PDB file of N, CA and C in Angstrom:
ATOM      1  N   UNK A   1      53.959  21.608  79.035  1.00  0.00           N
ATOM      2  CA  UNK A   1      53.192  20.718  79.955  1.00  0.00           C
ATOM      3  C   UNK A   1      53.200  19.409  79.369  1.00  0.00           C
ATOM      4  N   UNK A   2      53.178  18.174  79.825  1.00  0.00           N
ATOM      5  CA  UNK A   2      52.804  17.071  79.290  1.00  0.00           C
ATOM      6  C   UNK A   2      51.897  16.165  80.248  1.00  0.00           C
ATOM      7  N   UNK A   3      51.214  15.254  79.808  1.00  0.00           N
ATOM      8  CA  UNK A   3      50.664  14.259  80.753  1.00  0.00           C
ATOM      9  C   UNK A   3      51.186  12.947  80.748  1.00  0.00           C
ATOM     10  N   UNK A   4      52.058  12.620  82.017  1.00  0.00           N
ATOM     11  CA  UNK A   4      52.732  11.413  82.264  1.00  0.00           C
ATOM     12  C   UNK A   4      51.882  10.690  83.373  1.00  0.00           C
ATOM     13  N   UNK A   5      50.785   9.909  82.818  1.00  0.00           N
ATOM     14  CA  UNK A   5      49.819   9.336  83.710  1.00  0.00           C
ATOM     15  C   UNK A   5      50.417   8.692  85.070  1.00  0.00           C
ATOM     16  N   UNK A   6      49.953   8.959  86.101  1.00  0.00           N
ATOM     17  CA  UNK A   6      48.987   9.841  86.418  1.00  0.00           C
ATOM     18  C   UNK A   6      49.094  11.435  86.827  1.00  0.00           C
ATOM     19  N   UNK A   7      50.265  11.732  86.469  1.00  0.00           N
ATOM     20  CA  UNK A   7      50.889  13.157  86.734  1.00  0.00           C
ATOM     21  C   UNK A   7      50.907  13.959  85.328  1.00  0.00           C
ATOM     22  N   UNK A   8      50.641  15.137  85.950  1.00  0.00           N
ATOM     23  CA  UNK A   8      50.953  16.365  84.878  1.00  0.00           C
ATOM     24  C   UNK A   8      52.461  17.034  85.008  1.00  0.00           C
ATOM     25  N   UNK A   9      53.075  17.067  84.072  1.00  0.00           N
ATOM     26  CA  UNK A   9      54.510  17.459  84.156  1.00  0.00           C
ATOM     27  C   UNK A   9      54.408  18.977  83.491  1.00  0.00           C
ATOM     28  N   UNK A  10      54.998  19.648  84.111  1.00  0.00           N
ATOM     29  CA  UNK A  10      55.670  21.096  83.630  1.00  0.00           C
ATOM     30  C   UNK A  10      57.023  21.183  83.802  1.00  0.00           C
ATOM     31  N   UNK A  11      57.621  21.415  82.349  1.00  0.00           N
ATOM     32  CA  UNK A  11      59.199  21.700  82.272  1.00  0.00           C
ATOM     33  C   UNK A  11      59.219  23.112  82.288  1.00  0.00           C
ATOM     34  N   UNK A  12      60.077  23.710  83.044  1.00  0.00           N
ATOM     35  CA  UNK A  12      60.009  25.083  83.126  1.00  0.00           C
ATOM     36  C   UNK A  12      61.602  25.512  82.667  1.00  0.00           C
ATOM     37  N   UNK A  13      61.813  26.288  81.913  1.00  0.00           N
ATOM     38  CA  UNK A  13      63.052  26.843  81.229  1.00  0.00           C
ATOM     39  C   UNK A  13      63.404  28.414  81.748  1.00  0.00           C
ATOM     40  N   UNK A  14      64.555  28.865  81.907  1.00  0.00           N
ATOM     41  CA  UNK A  14      64.452  30.236  82.047  1.00  0.00           C
ATOM     42  C   UNK A  14      64.421  30.617  83.610  1.00  0.00           C
ATOM     43  N   UNK A  15      64.504  31.988  83.718  1.00  0.00           N
ATOM     44  CA  UNK A  15      64.337  32.524  85.188  1.00  0.00           C
ATOM     45  C   UNK A  15      62.915  32.447  85.672  1.00  0.00           C
ATOM     46  N   UNK A  16      62.777  31.924  86.980  1.00  0.00           N
ATOM     47  CA  UNK A  16      61.431  32.129  87.584  1.00  0.00           C
ATOM     48  C   UNK A  16      61.307  33.248  88.228  1.00  0.00           C
ATOM     49  N   UNK A  17      61.089  34.772  87.690  1.00  0.00           N
ATOM     50  CA  UNK A  17      61.373  35.453  88.567  1.00  0.00           C
ATOM     51  C   UNK A  17      59.974  36.382  88.341  1.00  0.00           C
ATOM     52  N   UNK A  18      59.718  37.802  88.735  1.00  0.00           N
ATOM     53  CA  UNK A  18      58.661  38.329  88.944  1.00  0.00           C
ATOM     54  C   UNK A  18      57.823  38.634  87.429  1.00  0.00           C
ATOM     55  N   UNK A  19      58.551  38.370  86.231  1.00  0.00           N
ATOM     56  CA  UNK A  19      58.249  38.537  84.897  1.00  0.00           C
ATOM     57  C   UNK A  19      57.728  37.479  84.436  1.00  0.00           C
ATOM     58  N   UNK A  20      58.191  36.326  84.739  1.00  0.00           N
ATOM     59  CA  UNK A  20      57.835  34.860  84.497  1.00  0.00           C
ATOM     60  C   UNK A  20      56.540  34.370  85.230  1.00  0.00           C
ATOM     61  N   UNK A  21      56.452  34.614  86.460  1.00  0.00           N
ATOM     62  CA  UNK A  21      55.524  34.004  87.308  1.00  0.00           C
ATOM     63  C   UNK A  21      53.983  34.257  86.806  1.00  0.00           C
ATOM     64  N   UNK A  22      53.570  35.373  86.298  1.00  0.00           N
ATOM     65  CA  UNK A  22      52.086  35.363  85.946  1.00  0.00           C
ATOM     66  C   UNK A  22      51.875  34.491  84.872  1.00  0.00           C
ATOM     67  N   UNK A  23      52.749  34.162  83.804  1.00  0.00           N
ATOM     68  CA  UNK A  23      52.699  33.379  82.629  1.00  0.00           C
ATOM     69  C   UNK A  23      52.594  31.730  83.343  1.00  0.00           C
ATOM     70  N   UNK A  24      53.588  31.517  84.264  1.00  0.00           N
ATOM     71  CA  UNK A  24      53.595  30.089  84.821  1.00  0.00           C
ATOM     72  C   UNK A  24      52.325  29.806  85.719  1.00  0.00           C
ATOM     73  N   UNK A  25      51.772  30.767  86.427  1.00  0.00           N
ATOM     74  CA  UNK A  25      50.736  30.764  87.049  1.00  0.00           C
ATOM     75  C   UNK A  25      49.645  30.247  86.323  1.00  0.00           C
ATOM     76  N   UNK A  26      49.426  31.181  85.427  1.00  0.00           N
ATOM     77  CA  UNK A  26      48.395  30.998  84.423  1.00  0.00           C
ATOM     78  C   UNK A  26      48.331  29.437  83.657  1.00  0.00           C
ATOM     79  N   UNK A  27      49.253  29.072  83.324  1.00  0.00           N
ATOM     80  CA  UNK A  27      49.590  27.939  82.664  1.00  0.00           C
ATOM     81  C   UNK A  27      49.036  26.868  83.731  1.00  0.00           C
ATOM     82  N   UNK A  28      49.598  26.917  84.979  1.00  0.00           N
ATOM     83  CA  UNK A  28      49.329  25.781  85.873  1.00  0.00           C
ATOM     84  C   UNK A  28      47.780  25.915  86.023  1.00  0.00           C
ATOM     85  N   UNK A  29      47.308  26.959  86.423  1.00  0.00           N
ATOM     86  CA  UNK A  29      45.867  27.053  86.394  1.00  0.00           C
ATOM     87  C   UNK A  29      45.054  26.706  85.418  1.00  0.00           C
ATOM     88  N   UNK A  30      45.281  26.771  84.372  1.00  0.00           N
ATOM     89  CA  UNK A  30      44.763  26.340  83.131  1.00  0.00           C
ATOM     90  C   UNK A  30      44.966  25.040  82.844  1.00  0.00           C
ATOM     91  N   UNK A  31      46.013  24.231  83.299  1.00  0.00           N
ATOM     92  CA  UNK A  31      45.949  22.729  83.150  1.00  0.00           C
ATOM     93  C   UNK A  31      45.503  21.860  84.638  1.00  0.00           C
ATOM     94  N   UNK A  32      44.989  22.845  85.245  1.00  0.00           N
ATOM     95  CA  UNK A  32      44.711  22.174  86.659  1.00  0.00           C
ATOM     96  C   UNK A  32      43.653  21.028  86.439  1.00  0.00           C
ATOM     97  N   UNK A  33      43.835  19.966  86.816  1.00  0.00           N
ATOM     98  CA  UNK A  33      42.740  18.833  86.710  1.00  0.00           C
ATOM     99  C   UNK A  33      41.447  18.985  87.326  1.00  0.00           C
ATOM    100  N   UNK A  34      40.486  18.885  86.622  1.00  0.00           N
ATOM    101  CA  UNK A  34      39.171  19.219  87.282  1.00  0.00           C
ATOM    102  C   UNK A  34      38.719  17.866  87.901  1.00  0.00           C
ATOM    103  N   UNK A  35      38.154  17.737  89.109  1.00  0.00           N
ATOM    104  CA  UNK A  35      37.431  16.747  89.493  1.00  0.00           C
ATOM    105  C   UNK A  35      38.354  15.936  90.181  1.00  0.00           C
ATOM    106  N   UNK A  36      39.608  15.619  89.894  1.00  0.00           N
ATOM    107  CA  UNK A  36      40.463  14.691  90.711  1.00  0.00           C
ATOM    108  C   UNK A  36      41.651  15.284  91.365  1.00  0.00           C
ATOM    109  N   UNK A  37      42.273  14.681  92.521  1.00  0.00           N
ATOM    110  CA  UNK A  37      43.239  15.422  93.128  1.00  0.00           C
ATOM    111  C   UNK A  37      44.412  15.536  91.870  1.00  0.00           C
ATOM    112  N   UNK A  38      45.046  16.793  92.086  1.00  0.00           N
ATOM    113  CA  UNK A  38      46.201  16.994  91.286  1.00  0.00           C
ATOM    114  C   UNK A  38      47.841  16.399  91.495  1.00  0.00           C
ATOM    115  N   UNK A  39      48.138  15.553  90.764  1.00  0.00           N
ATOM    116  CA  UNK A  39      49.654  15.180  91.005  1.00  0.00           C
ATOM    117  C   UNK A  39      50.530  15.756  89.963  1.00  0.00           C
ATOM    118  N   UNK A  40      51.330  16.733  90.324  1.00  0.00           N
ATOM    119  CA  UNK A  40      51.999  17.610  89.745  1.00  0.00           C
ATOM    120  C   UNK A  40      53.381  17.290  89.709  1.00  0.00           C
ATOM    121  N   UNK A  41      54.179  17.306  88.706  1.00  0.00           N
ATOM    122  CA  UNK A  41      55.720  17.525  88.652  1.00  0.00           C
ATOM    123  C   UNK A  41      56.086  18.690  87.974  1.00  0.00           C
ATOM    124  N   UNK A  42      56.924  19.354  88.766  1.00  0.00           N
ATOM    125  CA  UNK A  42      57.626  20.902  88.153  1.00  0.00           C
ATOM    126  C   UNK A  42      58.918  20.552  88.098  1.00  0.00           C
ATOM    127  N   UNK A  43      59.560  20.319  86.736  1.00  0.00           N
ATOM    128  CA  UNK A  43      60.840  20.001  86.505  1.00  0.00           C
ATOM    129  C   UNK A  43      61.464  21.626  86.640  1.00  0.00           C
ATOM    130  N   UNK A  44      62.419  21.876  87.754  1.00  0.00           N
ATOM    131  CA  UNK A  44      63.060  23.054  87.535  1.00  0.00           C
ATOM    132  C   UNK A  44      64.357  23.099  87.331  1.00  0.00           C
ATOM    133  N   UNK A  45      64.799  21.752  86.787  1.00  0.00           N
ATOM    134  CA  UNK A  45      66.338  21.502  86.633  1.00  0.00           C
ATOM    135  C   UNK A  45      67.041  22.693  85.638  1.00  0.00           C
ATOM    136  N   UNK A  46      65.971  23.285  84.736  1.00  0.00           N
ATOM    137  CA  UNK A  46      66.690  24.311  83.781  1.00  0.00           C
ATOM    138  C   UNK A  46      66.239  25.541  84.006  1.00  0.00           C
ATOM    139  N   UNK A  47      66.077  25.878  85.499  1.00  0.00           N
ATOM    140  CA  UNK A  47      65.792  26.987  85.895  1.00  0.00           C
ATOM    141  C   UNK A  47      66.851  27.629  86.756  1.00  0.00           C
ATOM    142  N   UNK A  48      67.560  28.624  86.020  1.00  0.00           N
ATOM    143  CA  UNK A  48      68.905  28.998  86.705  1.00  0.00           C
ATOM    144  C   UNK A  48      68.744  30.014  87.897  1.00  0.00           C
ATOM    145  N   UNK A  49      67.473  30.743  87.791  1.00  0.00           N
ATOM    146  CA  UNK A  49      67.341  31.867  89.024  1.00  0.00           C
ATOM    147  C   UNK A  49      65.907  31.883  89.149  1.00  0.00           C
ATOM    148  N   UNK A  50      65.770  31.979  90.777  1.00  0.00           N
ATOM    149  CA  UNK A  50      64.344  32.160  91.228  1.00  0.00           C
ATOM    150  C   UNK A  50      64.185  33.363  92.248  1.00  0.00           C
ATOM    151  N   UNK A  51      63.261  34.367  92.113  1.00  0.00           N
ATOM    152  CA  UNK A  51      63.296  35.235  93.177  1.00  0.00           C
ATOM    153  C   UNK A  51      62.152  34.900  93.953  1.00  0.00           C
ATOM    154  N   UNK A  52      61.655  35.783  94.902  1.00  0.00           N
ATOM    155  CA  UNK A  52      60.830  35.976  95.923  1.00  0.00           C
ATOM    156  C   UNK A  52      59.449  35.433  95.230  1.00  0.00           C
ATOM    157  N   UNK A  53      59.226  36.002  93.944  1.00  0.00           N
ATOM    158  CA  UNK A  53      57.790  35.902  93.336  1.00  0.00           C
ATOM    159  C   UNK A  53      57.960  34.383  92.950  1.00  0.00           C
ATOM    160  N   UNK A  54      58.878  33.718  92.369  1.00  0.00           N
ATOM    161  CA  UNK A  54      58.910  32.310  91.959  1.00  0.00           C
ATOM    162  C   UNK A  54      58.676  31.408  93.172  1.00  0.00           C
ATOM    163  N   UNK A  55      59.389  31.884  94.375  1.00  0.00           N
ATOM    164  CA  UNK A  55      59.219  31.000  95.563  1.00  0.00           C
ATOM    165  C   UNK A  55      58.006  31.007  95.986  1.00  0.00           C
ATOM    166  N   UNK A  56      57.272  32.213  95.859  1.00  0.00           N
ATOM    167  CA  UNK A  56      55.801  32.433  96.218  1.00  0.00           C
ATOM    168  C   UNK A  56      54.834  31.521  95.368  1.00  0.00           C
ATOM    169  N   UNK A  57      55.356  31.368  94.109  1.00  0.00           N
ATOM    170  CA  UNK A  57      54.459  30.686  93.406  1.00  0.00           C
ATOM    171  C   UNK A  57      54.558  28.904  93.631  1.00  0.00           C
ATOM    172  N   UNK A  58      55.751  28.938  93.750  1.00  0.00           N
ATOM    173  CA  UNK A  58      55.947  27.224  94.460  1.00  0.00           C
ATOM    174  C   UNK A  58      55.091  26.996  95.603  1.00  0.00           C
ATOM    175  N   UNK A  59      55.203  27.887  96.547  1.00  0.00           N
ATOM    176  CA  UNK A  59      54.551  27.709  98.010  1.00  0.00           C
ATOM    177  C   UNK A  59      52.999  27.734  97.551  1.00  0.00           C
ATOM    178  N   UNK A  60      52.407  28.669  96.844  1.00  0.00           N
ATOM    179  CA  UNK A  60      51.217  28.805  96.470  1.00  0.00           C
ATOM    180  C   UNK A  60      50.759  27.461  95.750  1.00  0.00           C
ATOM    181  N   UNK A  61      51.401  26.865  94.887  1.00  0.00           N
ATOM    182  CA  UNK A  61      51.211  25.690  94.183  1.00  0.00           C
ATOM    183  C   UNK A  61      51.070  24.377  95.203  1.00  0.00           C
ATOM    184  N   UNK A  62      51.916  24.359  96.097  1.00  0.00           N
ATOM    185  CA  UNK A  62      52.309  23.469  97.134  1.00  0.00           C
ATOM    186  C   UNK A  62      50.846  23.332  97.836  1.00  0.00           C
ATOM    187  N   UNK A  63      50.552  24.477  98.482  1.00  0.00           N
ATOM    188  CA  UNK A  63      49.267  24.677  99.208  1.00  0.00           C
ATOM    189  C   UNK A  63      47.982  24.254  98.501  1.00  0.00           C
ATOM    190  N   UNK A  64      47.941  24.777  97.223  1.00  0.00           N
ATOM    191  CA  UNK A  64      46.731  24.282  96.452  1.00  0.00           C
ATOM    192  C   UNK A  64      46.540  22.655  96.115  1.00  0.00           C
ATOM    193  N   UNK A  65      47.733  22.169  96.061  1.00  0.00           N
ATOM    194  CA  UNK A  65      47.781  20.754  95.702  1.00  0.00           C
ATOM    195  C   UNK A  65      47.665  19.930  97.108  1.00  0.00           C
ATOM    196  N   UNK A  66      48.313  20.348  97.967  1.00  0.00           N
ATOM    197  CA  UNK A  66      47.711  19.738  99.250  1.00  0.00           C
ATOM    198  C   UNK A  66      46.254  19.918  99.796  1.00  0.00           C
ATOM    199  N   UNK A  67      45.670  21.055  99.754  1.00  0.00           N
ATOM    200  CA  UNK A  67      44.359  21.290 100.038  1.00  0.00           C
ATOM    201  C   UNK A  67      43.408  20.421  99.114  1.00  0.00           C
ATOM    202  N   UNK A  68      44.063  19.917  97.861  1.00  0.00           N
ATOM    203  CA  UNK A  68      43.112  19.276  97.064  1.00  0.00           C
ATOM    204  C   UNK A  68      43.436  17.806  96.936  1.00  0.00           C
ATOM    205  N   UNK A  69      44.341  17.484  97.950  1.00  0.00           N
ATOM    206  CA  UNK A  69      44.551  15.851  98.096  1.00  0.00           C
ATOM    207  C   UNK A  69      45.511  15.278  97.334  1.00  0.00           C
ATOM    208  N   UNK A  70      46.325  16.272  96.490  1.00  0.00           N
ATOM    209  CA  UNK A  70      47.401  15.571  95.581  1.00  0.00           C
ATOM    210  C   UNK A  70      48.570  15.673  95.952  1.00  0.00           C
ATOM    211  N   UNK A  71      49.587  15.902  95.257  1.00  0.00           N
ATOM    212  CA  UNK A  71      51.111  15.470  95.234  1.00  0.00           C
ATOM    213  C   UNK A  71      51.859  16.694  94.459  1.00  0.00           C
ATOM    214  N   UNK A  72      52.749  17.212  94.789  1.00  0.00           N
ATOM    215  CA  UNK A  72      53.834  17.972  93.998  1.00  0.00           C
ATOM    216  C   UNK A  72      55.165  17.667  94.298  1.00  0.00           C
ATOM    217  N   UNK A  73      55.790  17.367  93.101  1.00  0.00           N
ATOM    218  CA  UNK A  73      57.290  16.925  93.391  1.00  0.00           C
ATOM    219  C   UNK A  73      58.021  17.852  92.405  1.00  0.00           C
ATOM    220  N   UNK A  74      59.176  18.343  93.021  1.00  0.00           N
ATOM    221  CA  UNK A  74      60.031  19.452  92.182  1.00  0.00           C
ATOM    222  C   UNK A  74      61.230  18.574  91.932  1.00  0.00           C
ATOM    223  N   UNK A  75      61.655  18.742  90.562  1.00  0.00           N
ATOM    224  CA  UNK A  75      62.827  18.082  90.002  1.00  0.00           C
ATOM    225  C   UNK A  75      63.917  19.238  90.018  1.00  0.00           C
ATOM    226  N   UNK A  76      64.819  19.052  91.054  1.00  0.00           N
ATOM    227  CA  UNK A  76      65.913  20.001  91.059  1.00  0.00           C
ATOM    228  C   UNK A  76      67.303  19.567  90.826  1.00  0.00           C
ATOM    229  N   UNK A  77      68.070  20.368  90.267  1.00  0.00           N
ATOM    230  CA  UNK A  77      69.469  19.843  90.192  1.00  0.00           C
ATOM    231  C   UNK A  77      70.389  20.655  91.377  1.00  0.00           C
ATOM    232  N   UNK A  78      71.674  20.068  91.405  1.00  0.00           N
ATOM    233  CA  UNK A  78      72.415  20.968  92.615  1.00  0.00           C
ATOM    234  C   UNK A  78      72.619  22.453  91.754  1.00  0.00           C
ATOM    235  N   UNK A  79      72.335  23.448  92.614  1.00  0.00           N
ATOM    236  CA  UNK A  79      72.312  24.920  92.153  1.00  0.00           C
ATOM    237  C   UNK A  79      71.237  25.581  93.078  1.00  0.00           C
ATOM    238  N   UNK A  80      70.988  26.838  92.172  1.00  0.00           N
ATOM    239  CA  UNK A  80      70.168  27.796  93.036  1.00  0.00           C
ATOM    240  C   UNK A  80      68.742  27.414  93.624  1.00  0.00           C
ATOM    241  N   UNK A  81      68.007  26.598  92.748  1.00  0.00           N
ATOM    242  CA  UNK A  81      66.999  26.488  93.339  1.00  0.00           C
ATOM    243  C   UNK A  81      66.993  25.314  94.520  1.00  0.00           C
ATOM    244  N   UNK A  82      67.810  24.615  94.600  1.00  0.00           N
ATOM    245  CA  UNK A  82      68.224  23.833  95.969  1.00  0.00           C
ATOM    246  C   UNK A  82      68.562  24.584  96.898  1.00  0.00           C
ATOM    247  N   UNK A  83      69.496  25.495  96.798  1.00  0.00           N
ATOM    248  CA  UNK A  83      70.156  26.490  97.863  1.00  0.00           C
ATOM    249  C   UNK A  83      69.024  27.266  98.346  1.00  0.00           C
ATOM    250  N   UNK A  84      68.190  27.779  97.489  1.00  0.00           N
ATOM    251  CA  UNK A  84      66.970  28.484  97.796  1.00  0.00           C
ATOM    252  C   UNK A  84      66.072  27.812  98.817  1.00  0.00           C
ATOM    253  N   UNK A  85      65.780  26.820  98.539  1.00  0.00           N
ATOM    254  CA  UNK A  85      64.802  26.206  99.324  1.00  0.00           C
ATOM    255  C   UNK A  85      65.526  25.679 100.589  1.00  0.00           C
ATOM    256  N   UNK A  86      66.816  25.479 100.657  1.00  0.00           N
ATOM    257  CA  UNK A  86      67.507  25.013 101.962  1.00  0.00           C
ATOM    258  C   UNK A  86      67.682  26.361 102.673  1.00  0.00           C
ATOM    259  N   UNK A  87      67.842  27.687 102.370  1.00  0.00           N
ATOM    260  CA  UNK A  87      68.031  28.687 103.218  1.00  0.00           C
ATOM    261  C   UNK A  87      66.852  29.206 103.670  1.00  0.00           C
ATOM    262  N   UNK A  88      65.711  28.835 102.959  1.00  0.00           N
ATOM    263  CA  UNK A  88      64.492  29.514 103.237  1.00  0.00           C
ATOM    264  C   UNK A  88      63.661  28.286 104.397  1.00  0.00           C
ATOM    265  N   UNK A  89      64.353  26.986 104.493  1.00  0.00           N
ATOM    266  CA  UNK A  89      63.779  26.119 105.237  1.00  0.00           C
ATOM    267  C   UNK A  89      62.702  25.583 104.725  1.00  0.00           C
ATOM    268  N   UNK A  90      62.429  25.802 103.382  1.00  0.00           N
ATOM    269  CA  UNK A  90      61.209  24.968 102.672  1.00  0.00           C
ATOM    270  C   UNK A  90      61.771  23.516 101.957  1.00  0.00           C
ATOM    271  N   UNK A  91      62.983  23.353 102.257  1.00  0.00           N
ATOM    272  CA  UNK A  91      63.383  22.034 101.827  1.00  0.00           C
ATOM    273  C   UNK A  91      62.454  20.796 102.596  1.00  0.00           C
ATOM    274  N   UNK A  92      62.139  20.970 103.819  1.00  0.00           N
ATOM    275  CA  UNK A  92      61.463  20.087 104.494  1.00  0.00           C
ATOM    276  C   UNK A  92      60.027  19.912 104.057  1.00  0.00           C
ATOM    277  N   UNK A  93      59.679  20.802 103.309  1.00  0.00           N
ATOM    278  CA  UNK A  93      58.190  21.092 102.701  1.00  0.00           C
ATOM    279  C   UNK A  93      57.905  20.469 101.612  1.00  0.00           C
ATOM    280  N   UNK A  94      58.934  20.542 100.678  1.00  0.00           N
ATOM    281  CA  UNK A  94      58.743  20.122  99.230  1.00  0.00           C
ATOM    282  C   UNK A  94      59.431  18.844  98.971  1.00  0.00           C
ATOM    283  N   UNK A  95      58.792  18.082  98.368  1.00  0.00           N
ATOM    284  CA  UNK A  95      59.372  16.680  97.969  1.00  0.00           C
ATOM    285  C   UNK A  95      60.194  16.900  96.740  1.00  0.00           C
ATOM    286  N   UNK A  96      61.638  16.687  96.586  1.00  0.00           N
ATOM    287  CA  UNK A  96      62.481  16.823  95.638  1.00  0.00           C
ATOM    288  C   UNK A  96      63.052  15.686  94.954  1.00  0.00           C
ATOM    289  N   UNK A  97      63.489  15.800  93.768  1.00  0.00           N
ATOM    290  CA  UNK A  97      64.174  14.832  93.243  1.00  0.00           C
ATOM    291  C   UNK A  97      65.285  15.268  92.257  1.00  0.00           C
ATOM    292  N   UNK A  98      66.141  14.302  91.835  1.00  0.00           N
ATOM    293  CA  UNK A  98      67.288  14.663  90.907  1.00  0.00           C
ATOM    294  C   UNK A  98      66.869  14.478  89.742  1.00  0.00           C
ATOM    295  N   UNK A  99      65.956  13.737  89.315  1.00  0.00           N
ATOM    296  CA  UNK A  99      65.580  13.045  87.901  1.00  0.00           C
ATOM    297  C   UNK A  99      63.950  13.137  87.763  1.00  0.00           C
ATOM    298  N   UNK A 100      63.620  13.306  86.477  1.00  0.00           N
ATOM    299  CA  UNK A 100      62.137  12.874  86.159  1.00  0.00           C
ATOM    300  C   UNK A 100      61.872  11.496  86.457  1.00  0.00           C
ATOM    301  N   UNK A 101      62.541  10.734  86.079  1.00  0.00           N
ATOM    302  CA  UNK A 101      62.140   9.304  86.593  1.00  0.00           C
ATOM    303  C   UNK A 101      61.887   9.205  87.841  1.00  0.00           C
ATOM    304  N   UNK A 102      62.424   9.722  88.821  1.00  0.00           N
ATOM    305  CA  UNK A 102      62.265   9.633  90.379  1.00  0.00           C
ATOM    306  C   UNK A 102      61.137  10.424  90.793  1.00  0.00           C
ATOM    307  N   UNK A 103      60.971  11.567  90.042  1.00  0.00           N
ATOM    308  CA  UNK A 103      59.815  12.534  90.191  1.00  0.00           C
ATOM    309  C   UNK A 103      58.454  11.653  89.846  1.00  0.00           C
ATOM    310  N   UNK A 104      58.323  10.994  88.639  1.00  0.00           N
ATOM    311  CA  UNK A 104      57.377  10.423  88.458  1.00  0.00           C
ATOM    312  C   UNK A 104      56.964   8.991  89.136  1.00  0.00           C
ATOM    313  N   UNK A 105      57.905   8.423  89.820  1.00  0.00           N
ATOM    314  CA  UNK A 105      57.610   7.421  90.644  1.00  0.00           C
ATOM    315  C   UNK A 105      57.269   7.860  91.923  1.00  0.00           C
ATOM    316  N   UNK A 106      57.630   9.045  92.544  1.00  0.00           N
ATOM    317  CA  UNK A 106      57.521   9.435  93.798  1.00  0.00           C
ATOM    318  C   UNK A 106      55.827  10.260  93.641  1.00  0.00           C
ATOM    319  N   UNK A 107      55.400  10.718  92.342  1.00  0.00           N
ATOM    320  CA  UNK A 107      54.255  11.101  92.434  1.00  0.00           C
ATOM    321  C   UNK A 107      53.090  10.344  92.357  1.00  0.00           C
ATOM    322  N   UNK A 108      53.524   9.036  91.847  1.00  0.00           N
ATOM    323  CA  UNK A 108      52.478   7.978  91.639  1.00  0.00           C
ATOM    324  C   UNK A 108      51.841   7.571  92.598  1.00  0.00           C
TER     325      UNK A 108
END
């Protein structure tokens, strides 16, 4: 995690599956900004695989961010994550970009 004012950036590496989700969820919860709307960027460009648990984490995070009046941007490359969002019809719900720079601009 790193702070890129006004955003909190999470760079995930490896699979986002049922084994990784509890750690990632705890990390996001721990870094959740207190007292202000969260503006989060999740960099998933180095995530080669995501199962239903990982997808659930993304949806839960999006719901929490929206409820708090914040924003969430996903950095995705062409590949599994992009296809997963498309086939589940979630691509219209998530704001996605191809680069970190685009994500930071979009979240600001």
